[in-house]
Amino acid sequence: MVRKPGRMYRNIDGPAYTRREYMGGVPNPKIVHFEMGNVEAKNDFKVELSLIAEEACQIRHTALESARIMANKYLSKVGSANYYLWIRVYPHQVLREHKMATGAGADRISSGMSKAFGKPVGTAARVHENQTIMIARVNPQHVERAKAALKEAAYKLPTTCRIVITKGQGFIK
């Protein structure tokens, strides 16, 4: 498989690497909140918008936090009591990196470390095709603002996404 530049952690390759008790010093995910807005009334809103991944990939915790900030920024303009935003994925996958030496003579130093294990550098969420990444619940008068919020959040993610709108009389707990 040929990797495209800049997409080192996006592709899913190899088994899941999640056992933190065997690793030393895994960085915590940067995601601050997984639920925002009016959490007490999360089942009282009439419209639910879901951000769904169209292809399988890994989303780094920094990208999830960036998408969360963007969606929350757009939705907070309708008032914190008028929306509910929920991040559905959690970055369990630990990413490792073998830092290579650069500069003069670096080829001699790094030539003896083929298939090196690497140190933990961050975490990522493994997302499958058609998996929901983020949910926004609003009332009908704020649907356009919620659509714009999820669209802006999708720009921060390494996969193409679609928005699915569900209408109902409240949601089951």
C-alpha atoms as a PDB file:
ATOM      1  CA  MET A   1       0.000   0.000   0.000  1.00  0.00           C
ATOM      2  CA  VAL A   2       1.425   3.370  -1.019  1.00  0.00           C
ATOM      3  CA  ARG A   3       0.806   6.130   1.494  1.00  0.00           C
ATOM      4  CA  LYS A   4       0.061   9.663   0.432  1.00  0.00           C
ATOM      5  CA  PRO A   5       2.138  12.385   2.087  1.00  0.00           C
ATOM      6  CA  GLY A   6       0.532  13.852   5.208  1.00  0.00           C
ATOM      7  CA  ARG A   7      -1.796  10.897   5.756  1.00  0.00           C
ATOM      8  CA  MET A   8       0.448   8.764   7.903  1.00  0.00           C
ATOM      9  CA  TYR A   9      -2.068   8.140  10.677  1.00  0.00           C
ATOM     10  CA  ARG A  10      -5.255   8.300   8.620  1.00  0.00           C
ATOM     11  CA  ASN A  11      -5.144   4.775   7.191  1.00  0.00           C
ATOM     12  CA  ILE A  12      -6.072   1.765   9.294  1.00  0.00           C
ATOM     13  CA  ASP A  13      -3.283  -0.788   9.103  1.00  0.00           C
ATOM     14  CA  GLY A  14      -2.531  -3.528  11.549  1.00  0.00           C
ATOM     15  CA  PRO A  15      -4.374  -4.634  14.666  1.00  0.00           C
ATOM     16  CA  ALA A  16      -5.716  -2.277  17.294  1.00  0.00           C
ATOM     17  CA  TYR A  17      -3.155  -1.052  19.815  1.00  0.00           C
ATOM     18  CA  THR A  18      -5.076  -0.038  22.928  1.00  0.00           C
ATOM     19  CA  ARG A  19      -3.580  -1.755  25.987  1.00  0.00           C
ATOM     20  CA  ARG A  20      -2.300   1.261  27.918  1.00  0.00           C
ATOM     21  CA  GLU A  21      -1.225  -0.739  30.962  1.00  0.00           C
ATOM     22  CA  TYR A  22       1.669  -2.172  28.936  1.00  0.00           C
ATOM     23  CA  MET A  23       2.870   1.205  27.667  1.00  0.00           C
ATOM     24  CA  GLY A  24       4.749   3.920  29.431  1.00  0.00           C
ATOM     25  CA  GLY A  25       3.405   7.443  29.152  1.00  0.00           C
ATOM     26  CA  VAL A  26       0.577   7.591  26.618  1.00  0.00           C
ATOM     27  CA  PRO A  27      -0.621  11.188  26.107  1.00  0.00           C
ATOM     28  CA  ASN A  28      -4.202  11.870  27.174  1.00  0.00           C
ATOM     29  CA  PRO A  29      -6.696  12.814  24.456  1.00  0.00           C
ATOM     30  CA  LYS A  30      -7.121  16.549  23.926  1.00  0.00           C
ATOM     31  CA  ILE A  31     -10.915  16.323  23.765  1.00  0.00           C
ATOM     32  CA  VAL A  32     -12.257  18.400  26.640  1.00  0.00           C
ATOM     33  CA  HIS A  33     -15.999  17.598  26.512  1.00  0.00           C
ATOM     34  CA  PHE A  34     -17.944  14.916  24.691  1.00  0.00           C
ATOM     35  CA  GLU A  35     -21.370  16.460  25.424  1.00  0.00           C
ATOM     36  CA  MET A  36     -22.111  20.183  25.066  1.00  0.00           C
ATOM     37  CA  GLY A  37     -25.073  22.496  25.100  1.00  0.00           C
ATOM     38  CA  ASN A  38     -28.237  21.665  27.012  1.00  0.00           C
ATOM     39  CA  VAL A  39     -27.299  18.212  28.342  1.00  0.00           C
ATOM     40  CA  GLU A  40     -30.287  17.997  30.709  1.00  0.00           C
ATOM     41  CA  ALA A  41     -32.765  18.406  27.822  1.00  0.00           C
ATOM     42  CA  LYS A  42     -30.923  16.224  25.310  1.00  0.00           C
ATOM     43  CA  ASN A  43     -34.001  14.105  24.605  1.00  0.00           C
ATOM     44  CA  ASP A  44     -36.409  17.045  24.279  1.00  0.00           C
ATOM     45  CA  PHE A  45     -35.225  18.396  20.924  1.00  0.00           C
ATOM     46  CA  LYS A  46     -37.265  17.633  17.801  1.00  0.00           C
ATOM     47  CA  VAL A  47     -34.550  17.292  15.119  1.00  0.00           C
ATOM     48  CA  GLU A  48     -31.339  15.237  15.172  1.00  0.00           C
ATOM     49  CA  LEU A  49     -28.503  15.789  12.710  1.00  0.00           C
ATOM     50  CA  SER A  50     -25.780  13.142  12.452  1.00  0.00           C
ATOM     51  CA  LEU A  51     -22.320  13.535  10.938  1.00  0.00           C
ATOM     52  CA  ILE A  52     -21.513  10.182   9.316  1.00  0.00           C
ATOM     53  CA  ALA A  53     -18.149   9.032   7.928  1.00  0.00           C
ATOM     54  CA  GLU A  54     -18.275   7.798   4.348  1.00  0.00           C
ATOM     55  CA  GLU A  55     -15.043   5.773   4.526  1.00  0.00           C
ATOM     56  CA  ALA A  56     -13.062   3.964   7.193  1.00  0.00           C
ATOM     57  CA  CYS A  57     -10.156   5.895   8.705  1.00  0.00           C
ATOM     58  CA  GLN A  58      -8.442   6.915  11.921  1.00  0.00           C
ATOM     59  CA  ILE A  59      -9.241  10.362  13.321  1.00  0.00           C
ATOM     60  CA  ARG A  60      -6.583  11.822  15.616  1.00  0.00           C
ATOM     61  CA  HIS A  61      -7.663  13.312  18.918  1.00  0.00           C
ATOM     62  CA  THR A  62      -6.485  16.759  17.801  1.00  0.00           C
ATOM     63  CA  ALA A  63      -8.747  16.616  14.736  1.00  0.00           C
ATOM     64  CA  LEU A  64     -11.723  15.537  16.866  1.00  0.00           C
ATOM     65  CA  GLU A  65     -11.112  18.435  19.263  1.00  0.00           C
ATOM     66  CA  SER A  66     -10.821  20.858  16.368  1.00  0.00           C
ATOM     67  CA  ALA A  67     -14.112  19.611  14.878  1.00  0.00           C
ATOM     68  CA  ARG A  68     -15.787  19.847  18.290  1.00  0.00           C
ATOM     69  CA  ILE A  69     -14.637  23.445  18.784  1.00  0.00           C
ATOM     70  CA  MET A  70     -15.875  24.460  15.332  1.00  0.00           C
ATOM     71  CA  ALA A  71     -19.300  22.831  15.734  1.00  0.00           C
ATOM     72  CA  ASN A  72     -19.736  24.238  19.243  1.00  0.00           C
ATOM     73  CA  LYS A  73     -18.734  27.711  18.024  1.00  0.00           C
ATOM     74  CA  TYR A  74     -21.433  27.677  15.335  1.00  0.00           C
ATOM     75  CA  LEU A  75     -24.123  26.180  17.576  1.00  0.00           C
ATOM     76  CA  SER A  76     -23.442  28.459  20.553  1.00  0.00           C
ATOM     77  CA  LYS A  77     -24.826  31.385  18.514  1.00  0.00           C
ATOM     78  CA  VAL A  78     -28.356  29.983  18.996  1.00  0.00           C
ATOM     79  CA  GLY A  79     -27.878  29.891  22.788  1.00  0.00           C
ATOM     80  CA  SER A  80     -26.583  27.077  24.950  1.00  0.00           C
ATOM     81  CA  ALA A  81     -30.120  26.055  25.954  1.00  0.00           C
ATOM     82  CA  ASN A  82     -31.180  25.524  22.318  1.00  0.00           C
ATOM     83  CA  TYR A  83     -28.890  22.709  21.201  1.00  0.00           C
ATOM     84  CA  TYR A  84     -27.187  19.488  22.240  1.00  0.00           C
ATOM     85  CA  LEU A  85     -23.910  18.336  20.698  1.00  0.00           C
ATOM     86  CA  TRP A  86     -22.446  14.874  21.304  1.00  0.00           C
ATOM     87  CA  ILE A  87     -19.112  13.419  20.123  1.00  0.00           C
ATOM     88  CA  ARG A  88     -19.818   9.720  19.567  1.00  0.00           C
ATOM     89  CA  VAL A  89     -16.292   8.354  19.038  1.00  0.00           C
ATOM     90  CA  TYR A  90     -13.466   8.058  21.557  1.00  0.00           C
ATOM     91  CA  PRO A  91      -9.754   7.946  20.630  1.00  0.00           C
ATOM     92  CA  HIS A  92      -8.713   4.532  22.041  1.00  0.00           C
ATOM     93  CA  GLN A  93      -6.092   3.704  19.410  1.00  0.00           C
ATOM     94  CA  VAL A  94      -2.544   4.603  20.516  1.00  0.00           C
ATOM     95  CA  LEU A  95      -0.327   5.945  17.735  1.00  0.00           C
ATOM     96  CA  ARG A  96       3.387   5.159  17.763  1.00  0.00           C
ATOM     97  CA  GLU A  97       6.223   6.876  15.984  1.00  0.00           C
ATOM     98  CA  HIS A  98       9.858   5.926  15.565  1.00  0.00           C
ATOM     99  CA  LYS A  99      11.669   9.237  15.481  1.00  0.00           C
ATOM    100  CA  MET A 100      14.340   9.236  12.822  1.00  0.00           C
ATOM    101  CA  ALA A 101      17.563  11.199  13.025  1.00  0.00           C
ATOM    102  CA  THR A 102      18.053  13.978  10.476  1.00  0.00           C
ATOM    103  CA  GLY A 103      21.111  15.856   9.334  1.00  0.00           C
ATOM    104  CA  ALA A 104      24.628  14.838   8.308  1.00  0.00           C
ATOM    105  CA  GLY A 105      25.401  11.180   8.925  1.00  0.00           C
ATOM    106  CA  ALA A 106      21.812  10.284   9.844  1.00  0.00           C
ATOM    107  CA  ASP A 107      21.706   7.430   7.342  1.00  0.00           C
ATOM    108  CA  ARG A 108      24.392   5.524   9.263  1.00  0.00           C
ATOM    109  CA  ILE A 109      22.639   6.032  12.623  1.00  0.00           C
ATOM    110  CA  SER A 110      19.146   4.963  11.559  1.00  0.00           C
ATOM    111  CA  SER A 111      20.011   2.081   9.225  1.00  0.00           C
ATOM    112  CA  GLY A 112      20.052  -0.598  11.954  1.00  0.00           C
ATOM    113  CA  MET A 113      16.521  -0.035  13.242  1.00  0.00           C
ATOM    114  CA  SER A 114      14.260  -1.686  10.707  1.00  0.00           C
ATOM    115  CA  LYS A 115      10.743  -2.430  12.009  1.00  0.00           C
ATOM    116  CA  ALA A 116      11.352  -0.406  15.165  1.00  0.00           C
ATOM    117  CA  PHE A 117       8.485  -0.357  17.682  1.00  0.00           C
ATOM    118  CA  GLY A 118       8.267   3.382  18.316  1.00  0.00           C
ATOM    119  CA  LYS A 119       7.043   5.516  21.198  1.00  0.00           C
ATOM    120  CA  PRO A 120       3.438   6.652  21.796  1.00  0.00           C
ATOM    121  CA  VAL A 121       2.836  10.096  20.272  1.00  0.00           C
ATOM    122  CA  GLY A 122      -0.945  10.412  20.470  1.00  0.00           C
ATOM    123  CA  THR A 123      -4.311   8.702  20.201  1.00  0.00           C
ATOM    124  CA  ALA A 124      -6.857   8.223  17.449  1.00  0.00           C
ATOM    125  CA  ALA A 125     -10.398   6.963  17.016  1.00  0.00           C
ATOM    126  CA  ARG A 126     -10.913   4.162  14.522  1.00  0.00           C
ATOM    127  CA  VAL A 127     -13.985   5.027  12.471  1.00  0.00           C
ATOM    128  CA  HIS A 128     -15.667   2.577  10.119  1.00  0.00           C
ATOM    129  CA  GLU A 129     -17.688   3.303   7.025  1.00  0.00           C
ATOM    130  CA  ASN A 130     -21.163   4.725   7.821  1.00  0.00           C
ATOM    131  CA  GLN A 131     -20.297   5.239  11.510  1.00  0.00           C
ATOM    132  CA  THR A 132     -21.712   8.273  13.295  1.00  0.00           C
ATOM    133  CA  ILE A 133     -19.002  10.654  14.479  1.00  0.00           C
ATOM    134  CA  MET A 134     -21.023  13.526  15.918  1.00  0.00           C
ATOM    135  CA  ILE A 135     -24.685  14.254  16.715  1.00  0.00           C
ATOM    136  CA  ALA A 136     -26.400  17.634  17.022  1.00  0.00           C
ATOM    137  CA  ARG A 137     -29.953  17.940  18.339  1.00  0.00           C
ATOM    138  CA  VAL A 138     -31.914  21.162  17.857  1.00  0.00           C
ATOM    139  CA  ASN A 139     -35.444  22.427  17.396  1.00  0.00           C
ATOM    140  CA  PRO A 140     -36.755  22.997  13.827  1.00  0.00           C
ATOM    141  CA  GLN A 141     -36.006  26.738  13.762  1.00  0.00           C
ATOM    142  CA  HIS A 142     -32.249  26.076  14.229  1.00  0.00           C
ATOM    143  CA  VAL A 143     -31.758  23.277  11.682  1.00  0.00           C
ATOM    144  CA  GLU A 144     -29.870  25.437   9.163  1.00  0.00           C
ATOM    145  CA  ARG A 145     -27.411  26.619  11.832  1.00  0.00           C
ATOM    146  CA  ALA A 146     -26.830  23.014  12.960  1.00  0.00           C
ATOM    147  CA  LYS A 147     -26.254  21.930   9.339  1.00  0.00           C
ATOM    148  CA  ALA A 148     -23.656  24.659   8.926  1.00  0.00           C
ATOM    149  CA  ALA A 149     -22.009  23.645  12.221  1.00  0.00           C
ATOM    150  CA  LEU A 150     -21.636  19.999  11.202  1.00  0.00           C
ATOM    151  CA  LYS A 151     -20.461  20.988   7.732  1.00  0.00           C
ATOM    152  CA  GLU A 152     -17.695  23.140   9.232  1.00  0.00           C
ATOM    153  CA  ALA A 153     -16.777  20.346  11.651  1.00  0.00           C
ATOM    154  CA  ALA A 154     -16.511  17.903   8.729  1.00  0.00           C
ATOM    155  CA  TYR A 155     -13.802  20.081   7.142  1.00  0.00           C
ATOM    156  CA  LYS A 156     -11.559  19.339  10.137  1.00  0.00           C
ATOM    157  CA  LEU A 157     -11.829  15.554   9.764  1.00  0.00           C
ATOM    158  CA  PRO A 158      -9.647  13.376   7.482  1.00  0.00           C
ATOM    159  CA  THR A 159     -12.582  11.660   5.781  1.00  0.00           C
ATOM    160  CA  THR A 160     -15.520  12.750   3.694  1.00  0.00           C
ATOM    161  CA  CYS A 161     -18.726  12.994   5.719  1.00  0.00           C
ATOM    162  CA  ARG A 162     -22.423  13.358   5.110  1.00  0.00           C
ATOM    163  CA  ILE A 163     -25.146  14.859   7.271  1.00  0.00           C
ATOM    164  CA  VAL A 164     -28.311  12.864   7.960  1.00  0.00           C
ATOM    165  CA  ILE A 165     -31.357  14.595   9.429  1.00  0.00           C
ATOM    166  CA  THR A 166     -33.836  12.704  11.614  1.00  0.00           C
ATOM    167  CA  LYS A 167     -37.072  14.234  12.867  1.00  0.00           C
ATOM    168  CA  GLY A 168     -39.025  12.880  15.785  1.00  0.00           C
ATOM    169  CA  GLN A 169     -41.022  13.658  18.909  1.00  0.00           C
ATOM    170  CA  GLY A 170     -38.126  13.545  21.350  1.00  0.00           C
ATOM    171  CA  PHE A 171     -35.559  10.800  21.680  1.00  0.00           C
ATOM    172  CA  ILE A 172     -35.407   7.690  23.819  1.00  0.00           C
ATOM    173  CA  LYS A 173     -32.902   7.698  26.655  1.00  0.00           C
END
